[in-house]
Structures are given as structure tokens and as C-alpha cells.
Amino acid sequence: MKNLFLILILTMTLNSIDSFSQTPGEFISISTDVKYQYFDTYDIERLNKIMNEELGTFCEFKQSFTQAKYPLKLYKVIYKSVIPELNNKPVECSGLIAIPETGKTSMPMISYQHGTVFTNYEVPTNPESSYETRLELAGLAGQGYILIAADYFGKGINKEPEAYLVKESAKQVCYDMYVASLEVLKNLGITPTQFFLSGWSQGSFNTLALLNKFESLGVDVTAVAVASMPTDLFSIVNRWVFAPKPIDAIYLPGLLALKANSFEIYYNLPGLSKMIIKPEYWQISNDLFTNKTTWEEFDKVVPEKIPDYINPEFAKLISDEQHGYGKTLLNAEVFRWRTKTPINTYYGEIDEVIPEFIARLPEGFQNLYEGGKVTSVSAGPKADHRGTFVFSVNDQLTWFNSLLK
């Protein structure tokens, strides 16, 4: 009887151990659709190092951050999703959940959508390979916000081709990560309170696409912060092709390589990439898209300017707004709908990827239609593409904090 009592006590003790104490490598299945794994802890010293010593490895833009308040527990989430553009093909995806050790069981939550990467591993679930993710963790999660972030289709564990700036896929993969995160948090005994969205570059496009889905479903979002947003792909590609500038980033051909190959697959436009890209650059462009070559190898071969990279016929292709690629590109926008959620859109005055006019389109549109309040915020005269991101992390923390109830 005594032994039975001891076994009962031991069983109760083991069952009461908080899931935070799981050791790395151990997956916990919640359902057939969702499982999660604790994989690391970032203490306050680590978080502050990210914002201070490591910032210079990312960009030259200077910024003083509020020092971290809370250590973070990091979890990898594996969840099921479907790809809308491929007849709702079922797939498995990965994402990150970071939970601050505040001692509380409820706290606000941010869904962060990451920017463009030329590999499949520089993603939120691999933060040591992604300074962007680490800065989000240090600058926002370390201040007391749960942070969730999808790796996207074609990134992380997902083996599909990259769905680069493919709108419905962006909505779906991030929304399903949100649903999976709620299940994981419930399992951990954590309740999200207010909900915010944040994104940079490609991720800002995905963020507004996701906001559209949330608003259509009646999910309450307190506020949205987007930085260097490619709001309207038709406008920005036309700008790259017809009005190249000395400031343009040398990696714009790489972005077009991802976009051309991705649109070919997800919008069923056979041969699109070969119509766009000159024959001598097509193979390495496809290799970049499929992660068979690196950005560094790609950069050695292709020209720096878009007009030198594309076929002359491309200008006619994008001008046809009624058919094929031109029509698809025209619909690749995330601002021509009436929002209700407050949005801050950050732009850099020397951004080499996203011109100020493109980043500020949502403000003018929403003001015209009396939609949600959109405020365009300058990151300053020294803010390039990465500098705009760095500034936005700092500024949105102050803004989000002012909206907490």
C-alpha cells in the first residue's frame, strides 16, 4: 500500500511539471495536426547582446533599444496547412513561438511575418541563422509579448516550392500558424490577450494579406506595424523595369528570380520564368529559387540591374493587364480594401528596395475611403532597407505598449 501511495505521488508530481521544463528534442503532440518542441532559452544577457553587439553585423543603422525585461522560452511548432493556389494541397509546416517568462499566464501576442531570405533555413525556427528573427525576439518578445512566426511554404521543414509573395498562400500559412499557436499556448496554460501583427519587406506584404483574412473572419487585431512594404507588386516591378535608379539594391534580380519562378508554379503560368529571364541567367535563377545555389554564387553571374537581367519582351508582358502575368501582377496588392485596424507603415528615405511612394500607398487609399487609420512613419534620412526594419522594431514597441489595456 505504501509503495502504491508513493507511485501515485510520483505520477501526480510528473504530471504537474510545467511543459516549460521539457528538454530539447522532445515533441509534444496536441492533435494529429499540431505538435511542438521546446528547443532553447534566450536569457536577458543573450537578448541584450542581440540588440547591442550583434546589431552592427546586420546593418550600419544606429539605434538604441530598451533593454530586455524577460528571458524567452523558444518552441518549434509543426502544423498542418493547405495551399489554396494548388487546390488546397495538404502540407506540413513549421513556425516559432517565443514565450516571455513573465510569471504571468496571460500576455499580449504578436504575429511576426519575416522578410525575404535566399535559403530555406534562415527562418524563425532557426533564429541563430536569422538576425531578423533574433531582433524581433529581443526587441519585442523580451519586453513581454508572446511572439509567433511562420516559416512559410517552401521554408523551414516545408518541402514545397517557395510561395514568394503569393497572396492566398501567405494568408493561409500564417493563419494556420496562428490557430496552431493558440492550441500550443492553451496546452502550456498561457492565454494571449491583445493581438498585434508585424512584418518587414516580404513579411509586410504577408502581414497585410493576413490582416485581410483576420478582419474577414472577425478576429480582433489591436494594431499592425509594417516596414518597407511592397504594397503593390505591379507598381514596384514596373518601377524596377522602366525607371531603374542608382540606389537600387544589387539583389533585385534575385527577388525577381524568386517571384518569376514562384508565380509560374502557384498561378499556373507555364514557361513564365523563361519569358522573363534572359536565357544565360535562367538556370542559375532557377537554382537560386530551388536552393541549389547560394545568393553569393548567383550574384557572381547575374547583372546588378533588372533591365540587363530580363528579356526585352518582358516590358510587353507586364503591360498586358488583361492576361497572364500582367493580370496576375496587377492583382498582387494588399492595400486596395477598406481596413478597420490601425496601421503604422514605416519607410526609409534611402531604402534601396521599396520606394517611399510604394510604402505609403495604404495611407492615401485608406484616407480616401475613410478606412482604418494608417500612419506613414519615416525611419529617417539614413534609413536604408535594413535600417527601416531596425527603426520599426523600436518604434512599434512604444506604439504597441501605448495601446495595451
Protein backbone atom coordinates (compact mmCIF):
# COMPACT_ATOMS: atom_id res chain seq x y z
CA MET A 1 0.00 0.00 0.00
CA LYS A 2 2.87 2.32 0.87
CA ASN A 3 4.52 1.61 -2.49
CA LEU A 4 1.24 2.29 -4.28
CA PHE A 5 0.92 5.62 -2.48
CA LEU A 6 4.48 6.61 -3.48
CA ILE A 7 3.80 5.71 -7.12
CA LEU A 8 0.63 7.82 -7.05
CA ILE A 9 2.51 10.81 -5.60
CA LEU A 10 5.30 10.44 -8.19
CA THR A 11 2.78 10.26 -11.04
CA MET A 12 0.96 13.38 -9.82
CA THR A 13 4.27 15.23 -9.50
CA LEU A 14 5.41 14.33 -13.00
CA ASN A 15 2.05 15.32 -14.47
CA SER A 16 2.17 18.69 -12.74
CA ILE A 17 5.57 19.64 -14.15
CA ASP A 18 5.11 22.67 -16.33
CA SER A 19 5.61 21.99 -20.04
CA PHE A 20 8.18 24.80 -19.99
CA SER A 21 10.61 22.31 -18.48
CA GLN A 22 10.66 20.00 -21.50
CA THR A 23 14.15 19.20 -22.69
CA PRO A 24 15.21 19.99 -26.27
CA GLY A 25 14.31 17.30 -28.78
CA GLU A 26 11.09 16.16 -27.15
CA PHE A 27 7.95 16.76 -29.23
CA ILE A 28 4.56 17.02 -27.58
CA SER A 29 1.60 16.14 -29.80
CA ILE A 30 -1.60 18.05 -29.18
CA SER A 31 -3.53 16.55 -32.07
CA THR A 32 -2.88 14.94 -35.44
CA ASP A 33 -2.43 18.46 -36.83
CA VAL A 34 -0.19 20.13 -34.23
CA LYS A 35 2.88 19.23 -32.23
CA TYR A 36 5.54 21.36 -30.57
CA GLN A 37 9.04 21.14 -29.18
CA TYR A 38 10.94 23.29 -26.72
CA PHE A 39 14.38 23.93 -28.21
CA ASP A 40 16.10 26.85 -26.49
CA THR A 41 16.05 29.61 -23.89
CA TYR A 42 17.33 33.12 -24.54
CA ASP A 43 18.25 34.74 -21.24
CA ILE A 44 18.29 38.51 -20.72
CA GLU A 45 22.03 38.74 -21.32
CA ARG A 46 21.64 36.98 -24.67
CA LEU A 47 18.75 39.23 -25.71
CA ASN A 48 20.66 42.41 -24.85
CA LYS A 49 23.68 41.19 -26.78
CA ILE A 50 21.47 40.81 -29.86
CA MET A 51 20.32 44.43 -29.64
CA ASN A 52 23.76 45.83 -28.88
CA GLU A 53 26.86 43.94 -30.07
CA GLU A 54 25.19 41.97 -32.86
CA LEU A 55 23.36 44.90 -34.48
CA GLY A 56 26.48 46.01 -36.35
CA THR A 57 26.71 42.64 -38.11
CA PHE A 58 23.28 43.29 -39.65
CA CYS A 59 23.46 46.93 -40.70
CA GLU A 60 25.17 50.26 -40.06
CA PHE A 61 21.97 51.97 -38.91
CA LYS A 62 22.29 53.10 -35.30
CA GLN A 63 19.53 52.54 -32.80
CA SER A 64 19.26 52.43 -29.01
CA PHE A 65 16.90 49.76 -27.75
CA THR A 66 15.06 49.29 -24.48
CA GLN A 67 16.91 46.51 -22.70
CA ALA A 68 15.13 43.17 -22.41
CA LYS A 69 12.98 42.53 -19.36
CA TYR A 70 12.25 38.82 -19.60
CA PRO A 71 14.01 35.61 -20.70
CA LEU A 72 12.33 33.71 -23.52
CA LYS A 73 11.40 30.07 -23.99
CA LEU A 74 11.53 29.12 -27.67
CA TYR A 75 9.32 26.45 -29.21
CA LYS A 76 9.20 24.91 -32.67
CA VAL A 77 5.68 24.17 -33.90
CA ILE A 78 4.85 21.63 -36.62
CA TYR A 79 1.37 22.09 -38.03
CA LYS A 80 -0.85 21.14 -40.97
CA SER A 81 -1.93 23.61 -43.62
CA VAL A 82 -3.22 23.66 -47.20
CA ILE A 83 -2.05 25.55 -50.29
CA PRO A 84 -5.00 27.46 -51.79
CA GLU A 85 -3.40 28.03 -55.22
CA LEU A 86 -2.66 24.29 -55.57
CA ASN A 87 -6.22 23.06 -54.99
CA ASN A 88 -5.80 23.11 -51.20
CA LYS A 89 -2.96 20.61 -51.30
CA PRO A 90 -2.33 19.42 -47.71
CA VAL A 91 1.16 20.15 -46.36
CA GLU A 92 3.14 20.25 -43.13
CA CYS A 93 4.76 23.50 -41.99
CA SER A 94 6.87 24.89 -39.19
CA GLY A 95 6.85 28.02 -37.08
CA LEU A 96 8.22 29.61 -33.92
CA ILE A 97 6.59 30.51 -30.62
CA ALA A 98 8.57 32.60 -28.14
CA ILE A 99 7.10 32.95 -24.65
CA PRO A 100 8.45 35.51 -22.16
CA GLU A 101 8.99 34.25 -18.64
CA THR A 102 6.92 36.99 -17.02
CA GLY A 103 5.47 34.84 -14.27
CA LYS A 104 2.01 35.55 -15.71
CA THR A 105 -0.35 33.22 -17.53
CA SER A 106 -1.75 35.89 -19.85
CA MET A 107 0.09 38.41 -22.03
CA PRO A 108 -0.23 40.18 -25.40
CA MET A 109 0.80 38.41 -28.60
CA ILE A 110 2.44 39.46 -31.87
CA SER A 111 2.34 37.51 -35.12
CA TYR A 112 5.52 38.38 -36.99
CA GLN A 113 5.94 37.77 -40.73
CA HIS A 114 9.59 37.59 -41.82
CA GLY A 115 11.27 39.16 -44.84
CA THR A 116 12.92 37.67 -47.92
CA VAL A 117 15.69 35.10 -47.49
CA PHE A 118 17.59 33.25 -50.21
CA THR A 119 17.82 29.98 -48.28
CA ASN A 120 15.27 27.67 -46.67
CA TYR A 121 16.90 27.75 -43.24
CA GLU A 122 17.26 31.47 -42.35
CA VAL A 123 13.81 31.37 -40.80
CA PRO A 124 12.15 31.96 -37.42
CA THR A 125 12.56 28.34 -36.27
CA ASN A 126 16.31 28.72 -36.76
CA PRO A 127 16.93 32.08 -35.06
CA GLU A 128 20.69 31.63 -34.82
CA SER A 129 20.74 31.85 -38.64
CA SER A 130 18.35 34.82 -38.75
CA TYR A 131 19.33 38.13 -37.16
CA GLU A 132 15.94 39.49 -38.23
CA THR A 133 14.24 36.91 -36.02
CA ARG A 134 16.65 37.46 -33.15
CA LEU A 135 15.98 41.20 -33.16
CA GLU A 136 12.24 40.58 -33.07
CA LEU A 137 12.77 38.28 -30.11
CA ALA A 138 14.98 40.72 -28.25
CA GLY A 139 13.17 43.94 -29.15
CA LEU A 140 9.57 42.78 -28.76
CA ALA A 141 9.19 39.36 -27.13
CA GLY A 142 11.79 40.25 -24.49
CA GLN A 143 9.51 43.12 -23.45
CA GLY A 144 6.67 40.79 -22.53
CA TYR A 145 4.97 39.87 -25.81
CA ILE A 146 4.36 36.31 -26.98
CA LEU A 147 5.80 36.17 -30.50
CA ILE A 148 4.67 33.71 -33.15
CA ALA A 149 6.15 33.44 -36.66
CA ALA A 150 5.55 31.07 -39.57
CA ASP A 151 8.47 29.86 -41.70
CA TYR A 152 6.16 29.92 -44.84
CA PHE A 153 5.59 27.44 -47.64
CA GLY A 154 8.92 26.35 -49.10
CA LYS A 155 10.83 27.33 -45.94
CA GLY A 156 11.71 25.52 -42.73
CA ILE A 157 10.51 21.92 -42.86
CA ASN A 158 8.11 22.51 -45.76
CA LYS A 159 9.30 20.86 -49.00
CA GLU A 160 7.05 22.68 -51.47
CA PRO A 161 8.41 25.32 -53.86
CA GLU A 162 8.64 28.71 -52.21
CA ALA A 163 5.35 30.66 -52.38
CA TYR A 164 7.07 34.02 -52.71
CA LEU A 165 4.61 36.92 -52.44
CA VAL A 166 1.75 34.59 -53.35
CA LYS A 167 -1.12 36.26 -51.56
CA GLU A 168 -3.57 33.49 -50.65
CA SER A 169 -0.75 31.14 -49.63
CA ALA A 170 0.69 33.88 -47.41
CA LYS A 171 -2.65 34.27 -45.69
CA GLN A 172 -3.16 30.54 -45.20
CA VAL A 173 0.25 29.54 -43.87
CA CYS A 174 0.27 32.40 -41.36
CA TYR A 175 -3.35 31.94 -40.31
CA ASP A 176 -2.85 28.22 -39.70
CA MET A 177 0.24 29.05 -37.64
CA TYR A 178 -1.94 31.37 -35.56
CA VAL A 179 -4.51 28.61 -34.98
CA ALA A 180 -1.79 26.09 -34.11
CA SER A 181 -0.17 28.59 -31.73
CA LEU A 182 -3.41 29.04 -29.83
CA GLU A 183 -3.55 25.28 -29.32
CA VAL A 184 0.05 25.15 -28.10
CA LEU A 185 -0.41 28.09 -25.76
CA LYS A 186 -3.54 26.52 -24.29
CA ASN A 187 -1.59 23.33 -23.69
CA LEU A 188 1.07 25.37 -21.89
CA GLY A 189 -1.52 27.18 -19.78
CA ILE A 190 -0.92 30.55 -21.46
CA THR A 191 -3.70 32.89 -22.61
CA PRO A 192 -3.00 35.60 -25.23
CA THR A 193 -4.71 38.91 -24.57
CA GLN A 194 -4.39 41.68 -27.16
CA PHE A 195 -3.20 40.65 -30.60
CA PHE A 196 -0.82 42.57 -32.89
CA LEU A 197 0.68 41.98 -36.35
CA SER A 198 4.14 42.94 -37.54
CA GLY A 199 6.21 42.37 -40.68
CA TRP A 200 9.13 43.57 -42.76
CA SER A 201 9.60 43.63 -46.55
CA GLN A 202 8.09 40.41 -47.98
CA GLY A 203 6.70 39.87 -44.49
CA SER A 204 4.89 43.20 -44.54
CA PHE A 205 3.09 42.16 -47.73
CA ASN A 206 2.16 38.91 -45.98
CA THR A 207 1.10 40.85 -42.89
CA LEU A 208 -1.49 42.97 -44.67
CA ALA A 209 -2.71 39.90 -46.56
CA LEU A 210 -3.11 38.17 -43.18
CA LEU A 211 -4.89 41.20 -41.72
CA ASN A 212 -7.39 40.98 -44.56
CA LYS A 213 -8.14 37.38 -43.57
CA PHE A 214 -8.41 38.19 -39.87
CA GLU A 215 -10.78 41.07 -40.47
CA SER A 216 -12.94 38.94 -42.78
CA LEU A 217 -13.20 36.30 -40.03
CA GLY A 218 -13.87 38.78 -37.26
CA VAL A 219 -10.58 38.17 -35.41
CA ASP A 220 -9.76 41.28 -33.39
CA VAL A 221 -6.35 42.81 -34.13
CA THR A 222 -5.31 45.76 -31.95
CA ALA A 223 -2.75 47.25 -34.35
CA VAL A 224 -0.42 46.46 -37.26
CA ALA A 225 3.16 47.59 -37.92
CA VAL A 226 4.72 47.03 -41.35
CA ALA A 227 8.14 48.15 -42.59
CA SER A 228 9.40 48.57 -46.17
CA MET A 229 6.22 47.14 -47.60
CA PRO A 230 5.96 46.09 -51.29
CA THR A 231 2.33 47.14 -51.20
CA ASP A 232 1.64 46.83 -54.91
CA LEU A 233 3.78 44.38 -56.92
CA PHE A 234 2.57 45.68 -60.28
CA SER A 235 3.80 49.17 -59.43
CA ILE A 236 7.11 48.11 -57.95
CA VAL A 237 8.07 45.73 -60.79
CA ASN A 238 7.22 48.43 -63.34
CA ARG A 239 9.40 50.85 -61.38
CA TRP A 240 12.31 48.37 -61.42
CA VAL A 241 11.95 47.73 -65.16
CA PHE A 242 11.13 51.16 -66.59
CA ALA A 243 12.73 53.52 -64.09
CA PRO A 244 15.84 51.92 -62.54
CA LYS A 245 17.77 54.15 -60.15
CA PRO A 246 21.39 54.20 -58.96
CA ILE A 247 20.12 53.46 -55.45
CA ASP A 248 18.53 50.13 -56.47
CA ALA A 249 19.75 47.12 -54.49
CA ILE A 250 22.08 44.74 -56.30
CA TYR A 251 19.89 41.83 -55.22
CA LEU A 252 16.76 42.98 -57.10
CA PRO A 253 17.40 40.35 -59.83
CA GLY A 254 17.34 37.75 -57.07
CA LEU A 255 13.94 38.97 -55.92
CA LEU A 256 12.63 38.82 -59.46
CA ALA A 257 14.03 35.29 -59.83
CA LEU A 258 12.04 34.16 -56.80
CA LYS A 259 8.91 35.95 -57.96
CA ALA A 260 9.05 34.65 -61.56
CA ASN A 261 9.58 31.02 -60.59
CA SER A 262 7.07 31.15 -57.75
CA PHE A 263 4.32 32.75 -59.85
CA GLU A 264 4.95 30.22 -62.63
CA ILE A 265 4.10 27.37 -60.25
CA TYR A 266 1.44 28.83 -58.00
CA TYR A 267 -0.51 30.74 -60.65
CA ASN A 268 -0.13 28.03 -63.31
CA LEU A 269 1.78 30.16 -65.80
CA PRO A 270 3.96 27.60 -67.64
CA GLY A 271 7.21 28.97 -69.01
CA LEU A 272 6.82 32.32 -67.23
CA SER A 273 10.34 32.39 -65.77
CA LYS A 274 11.90 31.79 -69.21
CA MET A 275 9.74 34.56 -70.68
CA ILE A 276 11.07 36.97 -68.05
CA ILE A 277 14.71 35.98 -67.52
CA LYS A 278 17.39 36.06 -70.22
CA PRO A 279 18.47 32.53 -71.27
CA GLU A 280 22.02 32.91 -69.97
CA TYR A 281 20.70 33.66 -66.45
CA TRP A 282 17.73 31.32 -66.31
CA GLN A 283 19.40 28.18 -64.92
CA ILE A 284 21.15 29.86 -62.03
CA SER A 285 17.97 31.80 -61.30
CA ASN A 286 16.04 28.55 -61.07
CA ASP A 287 18.82 27.09 -58.91
CA LEU A 288 18.52 30.05 -56.54
CA PHE A 289 14.77 29.52 -56.30
CA THR A 290 15.19 25.81 -55.56
CA ASN A 291 18.02 26.36 -53.05
CA LYS A 292 20.55 24.57 -55.27
CA THR A 293 22.84 27.57 -55.29
CA THR A 294 23.59 30.44 -52.94
CA TRP A 295 22.93 34.13 -53.32
CA GLU A 296 26.70 34.68 -53.43
CA GLU A 297 27.10 32.34 -56.43
CA PHE A 298 24.07 33.88 -58.14
CA ASP A 299 25.46 37.38 -57.61
CA LYS A 300 28.72 36.45 -59.36
CA VAL A 301 26.87 35.59 -62.57
CA VAL A 302 23.90 37.93 -63.00
CA PRO A 303 23.97 41.69 -63.71
CA GLU A 304 23.07 44.11 -60.94
CA LYS A 305 20.32 45.97 -62.82
CA ILE A 306 16.94 44.50 -63.71
CA PRO A 307 16.90 45.79 -67.34
CA ASP A 308 20.12 43.85 -68.01
CA TYR A 309 18.70 40.67 -66.47
CA ILE A 310 15.35 40.41 -68.24
CA ASN A 311 14.26 39.64 -71.80
CA PRO A 312 13.28 42.72 -73.85
CA GLU A 313 9.78 41.22 -74.30
CA PHE A 314 9.20 41.44 -70.54
CA ALA A 315 8.07 45.06 -70.81
CA LYS A 316 5.19 43.98 -73.07
CA LEU A 317 4.40 41.05 -70.78
CA ILE A 318 3.84 43.19 -67.70
CA SER A 319 1.94 45.84 -69.64
CA ASP A 320 -0.83 43.38 -70.56
CA GLU A 321 -3.19 43.84 -67.63
CA GLN A 322 -5.85 41.53 -69.06
CA HIS A 323 -3.91 38.30 -69.44
CA GLY A 324 -1.27 36.09 -67.84
CA TYR A 325 1.50 37.60 -65.79
CA GLY A 326 0.39 41.20 -66.18
CA LYS A 327 -3.07 40.41 -64.83
CA THR A 328 -1.66 38.28 -62.01
CA LEU A 329 0.80 41.02 -61.06
CA LEU A 330 -1.95 43.65 -61.09
CA ASN A 331 -3.87 41.62 -58.52
CA ALA A 332 -0.80 41.15 -56.31
CA GLU A 333 -1.55 44.03 -53.96
CA VAL A 334 -2.54 44.22 -50.30
CA PHE A 335 -3.93 47.72 -49.85
CA ARG A 336 -7.00 48.11 -52.08
CA TRP A 337 -9.55 47.15 -49.45
CA ARG A 338 -11.14 49.12 -46.63
CA THR A 339 -9.46 48.26 -43.34
CA LYS A 340 -10.60 48.98 -39.80
CA THR A 341 -7.38 48.24 -37.90
CA PRO A 342 -4.82 50.99 -37.11
CA ILE A 343 -1.66 50.55 -39.19
CA ASN A 344 1.79 52.12 -38.99
CA THR A 345 3.74 51.75 -42.23
CA TYR A 346 7.45 52.51 -41.92
CA TYR A 347 9.56 53.69 -44.82
CA GLY A 348 13.23 54.58 -45.22
CA GLU A 349 14.30 57.67 -47.11
CA ILE A 350 17.18 55.79 -48.75
CA ASP A 351 15.52 52.37 -48.97
CA GLU A 352 17.18 50.61 -51.90
CA VAL A 353 14.28 48.17 -52.41
CA ILE A 354 10.97 49.88 -51.59
CA PRO A 355 10.46 53.49 -52.74
CA GLU A 356 8.68 55.78 -50.30
CA PHE A 357 5.70 56.20 -52.64
CA ILE A 358 5.07 52.42 -52.67
CA ALA A 359 5.32 52.11 -48.89
CA ARG A 360 2.89 55.00 -48.36
CA LEU A 361 0.14 53.81 -50.71
CA PRO A 362 -2.06 52.38 -47.92
CA GLU A 363 -2.19 55.74 -46.14
CA GLY A 364 -3.59 57.62 -49.12
CA PHE A 365 -6.02 54.85 -50.04
CA GLN A 366 -7.47 54.42 -46.55
CA ASN A 367 -7.75 58.19 -46.07
CA LEU A 368 -9.65 58.43 -49.36
CA TYR A 369 -12.13 55.73 -48.37
CA GLU A 370 -12.21 56.63 -44.65
CA GLY A 371 -10.96 53.23 -43.63
CA GLY A 372 -8.79 52.42 -40.63
CA LYS A 373 -6.19 54.96 -39.58
CA VAL A 374 -2.93 54.44 -41.45
CA THR A 375 0.11 56.45 -40.41
CA SER A 376 3.24 56.58 -42.56
CA VAL A 377 6.32 56.86 -40.36
CA SER A 378 9.72 57.86 -41.70
CA ALA A 379 12.67 55.93 -40.32
CA GLY A 380 14.81 58.93 -41.23
CA PRO A 381 17.17 60.16 -43.95
CA LYS A 382 19.78 57.49 -43.16
CA ALA A 383 17.40 54.53 -43.16
CA ASP A 384 18.03 52.00 -45.92
CA HIS A 385 16.07 48.74 -46.23
CA ARG A 386 17.55 47.11 -43.14
CA GLY A 387 17.71 50.37 -41.24
CA THR A 388 13.98 50.82 -41.72
CA PHE A 389 13.38 47.41 -40.16
CA VAL A 390 15.61 48.19 -37.18
CA PHE A 391 13.88 51.52 -36.59
CA SER A 392 10.45 49.93 -36.88
CA VAL A 393 11.15 47.32 -34.18
CA ASN A 394 12.00 50.07 -31.73
CA ASP A 395 9.17 52.40 -32.68
CA GLN A 396 6.42 49.81 -32.80
CA LEU A 397 7.27 48.67 -29.27
CA THR A 398 6.46 52.14 -27.98
CA TRP A 399 3.28 52.24 -30.07
CA PHE A 400 2.08 48.77 -29.11
CA ASN A 401 2.78 49.46 -25.43
CA SER A 402 0.63 52.62 -25.60
CA LEU A 403 -2.31 50.51 -26.81
CA LEU A 404 -2.17 47.90 -24.03
CA LYS A 405 -5.18 47.83 -21.72
